Amino acid sequence: MEESKKKIAAMTAVLYYLQCEEEDARYGMDAGRHPPQAQEGGFWSFSGRQSQMMLRSMAQMRLFPGWRG
């Protein structure tokens, strides 16, 4: 009996969620939700990424004596 109640509650929750999503789509409520846009960095962020990549490649080539990464 208890397992049956849990199944009914889960099905009701899923149906309620689907109904709310359908209503949102019908009335255009979804128009305000947009995924966040990636920020364009510019020169300094590109320079920082480039220097990090250069440091890692130099470490992989073992150009730093005594450095253990």
C-alpha atoms as a PDB file:
ATOM      1  CA  MET A   1       0.000   0.000   0.000  1.00  0.00           C
ATOM      2  CA  GLU A   2       2.804   2.398   0.923  1.00  0.00           C
ATOM      3  CA  GLU A   3       4.670   1.714  -2.347  1.00  0.00           C
ATOM      4  CA  SER A   4       1.499   2.392  -4.314  1.00  0.00           C
ATOM      5  CA  LYS A   5       1.110   5.797  -2.646  1.00  0.00           C
ATOM      6  CA  LYS A   6       4.710   6.686  -3.509  1.00  0.00           C
ATOM      7  CA  LYS A   7       4.179   5.764  -7.162  1.00  0.00           C
ATOM      8  CA  ILE A   8       0.995   7.810  -7.347  1.00  0.00           C
ATOM      9  CA  ALA A   9       2.726  10.792  -5.737  1.00  0.00           C
ATOM     10  CA  ALA A  10       5.640  10.566  -8.183  1.00  0.00           C
ATOM     11  CA  MET A  11       3.337  10.316 -11.202  1.00  0.00           C
ATOM     12  CA  THR A  12       1.285  13.263  -9.950  1.00  0.00           C
ATOM     13  CA  ALA A  13       4.411  15.372  -9.520  1.00  0.00           C
ATOM     14  CA  VAL A  14       5.606  14.568 -13.049  1.00  0.00           C
ATOM     15  CA  LEU A  15       2.202  15.339 -14.555  1.00  0.00           C
ATOM     16  CA  TYR A  16       2.015  18.622 -12.616  1.00  0.00           C
ATOM     17  CA  TYR A  17       5.487  19.598 -13.841  1.00  0.00           C
ATOM     18  CA  LEU A  18       4.608  18.800 -17.453  1.00  0.00           C
ATOM     19  CA  GLN A  19       1.380  20.759 -17.161  1.00  0.00           C
ATOM     20  CA  CYS A  20       3.247  23.803 -15.796  1.00  0.00           C
ATOM     21  CA  GLU A  21       5.818  23.613 -18.606  1.00  0.00           C
ATOM     22  CA  GLU A  22       3.023  23.408 -21.175  1.00  0.00           C
ATOM     23  CA  GLU A  23       1.288  26.457 -19.692  1.00  0.00           C
ATOM     24  CA  ASP A  24       4.566  28.393 -19.666  1.00  0.00           C
ATOM     25  CA  ALA A  25       5.111  27.602 -23.330  1.00  0.00           C
ATOM     26  CA  ARG A  26       1.520  28.449 -24.203  1.00  0.00           C
ATOM     27  CA  TYR A  27       1.567  31.865 -22.549  1.00  0.00           C
ATOM     28  CA  GLY A  28       5.102  32.800 -23.556  1.00  0.00           C
ATOM     29  CA  MET A  29       6.519  32.684 -20.044  1.00  0.00           C
ATOM     30  CA  ASP A  30       9.692  31.077 -21.347  1.00  0.00           C
ATOM     31  CA  ALA A  31      10.693  34.225 -23.248  1.00  0.00           C
ATOM     32  CA  GLY A  32      12.534  35.682 -20.246  1.00  0.00           C
ATOM     33  CA  ARG A  33      14.704  32.634 -19.658  1.00  0.00           C
ATOM     34  CA  HIS A  34      17.877  32.705 -21.688  1.00  0.00           C
ATOM     35  CA  PRO A  35      21.137  30.927 -20.942  1.00  0.00           C
ATOM     36  CA  PRO A  36      23.913  33.248 -19.823  1.00  0.00           C
ATOM     37  CA  GLN A  37      26.089  34.505 -22.637  1.00  0.00           C
ATOM     38  CA  ALA A  38      29.787  33.824 -22.653  1.00  0.00           C
ATOM     39  CA  GLN A  39      31.741  36.945 -21.899  1.00  0.00           C
ATOM     40  CA  GLU A  40      34.213  38.194 -24.428  1.00  0.00           C
ATOM     41  CA  GLY A  41      37.425  38.833 -22.634  1.00  0.00           C
ATOM     42  CA  GLY A  42      39.593  40.993 -24.781  1.00  0.00           C
ATOM     43  CA  PHE A  43      43.321  41.386 -24.963  1.00  0.00           C
ATOM     44  CA  TRP A  44      44.213  40.773 -21.320  1.00  0.00           C
ATOM     45  CA  SER A  45      42.177  37.619 -20.871  1.00  0.00           C
ATOM     46  CA  PHE A  46      43.562  36.225 -24.124  1.00  0.00           C
ATOM     47  CA  SER A  47      47.068  37.128 -22.994  1.00  0.00           C
ATOM     48  CA  GLY A  48      46.537  35.359 -19.663  1.00  0.00           C
ATOM     49  CA  ARG A  49      45.300  32.179 -21.327  1.00  0.00           C
ATOM     50  CA  GLN A  50      48.168  32.278 -23.785  1.00  0.00           C
ATOM     51  CA  SER A  51      50.771  32.636 -21.041  1.00  0.00           C
ATOM     52  CA  GLN A  52      49.210  29.750 -19.079  1.00  0.00           C
ATOM     53  CA  MET A  53      49.347  27.506 -22.149  1.00  0.00           C
ATOM     54  CA  MET A  54      52.961  28.526 -22.801  1.00  0.00           C
ATOM     55  CA  LEU A  55      53.934  27.786 -19.190  1.00  0.00           C
ATOM     56  CA  ARG A  56      52.340  24.354 -19.345  1.00  0.00           C
ATOM     57  CA  SER A  57      53.962  23.470 -22.651  1.00  0.00           C
ATOM     58  CA  MET A  58      57.365  24.583 -21.334  1.00  0.00           C
ATOM     59  CA  ALA A  59      56.846  22.486 -18.217  1.00  0.00           C
ATOM     60  CA  GLN A  60      55.943  19.495 -20.380  1.00  0.00           C
ATOM     61  CA  MET A  61      59.148  19.988 -22.353  1.00  0.00           C
ATOM     62  CA  ARG A  62      60.954  20.097 -18.976  1.00  0.00           C
ATOM     63  CA  LEU A  63      62.569  23.456 -19.568  1.00  0.00           C
ATOM     64  CA  PHE A  64      62.490  24.298 -15.867  1.00  0.00           C
ATOM     65  CA  PRO A  65      65.178  22.391 -13.959  1.00  0.00           C
ATOM     66  CA  GLY A  66      63.984  21.242 -10.575  1.00  0.00           C
ATOM     67  CA  TRP A  67      60.342  22.012 -11.247  1.00  0.00           C
ATOM     68  CA  ARG A  68      58.036  19.108 -10.526  1.00  0.00           C
ATOM     69  CA  GLY A  69      54.481  19.679 -11.706  1.00  0.00           C
END
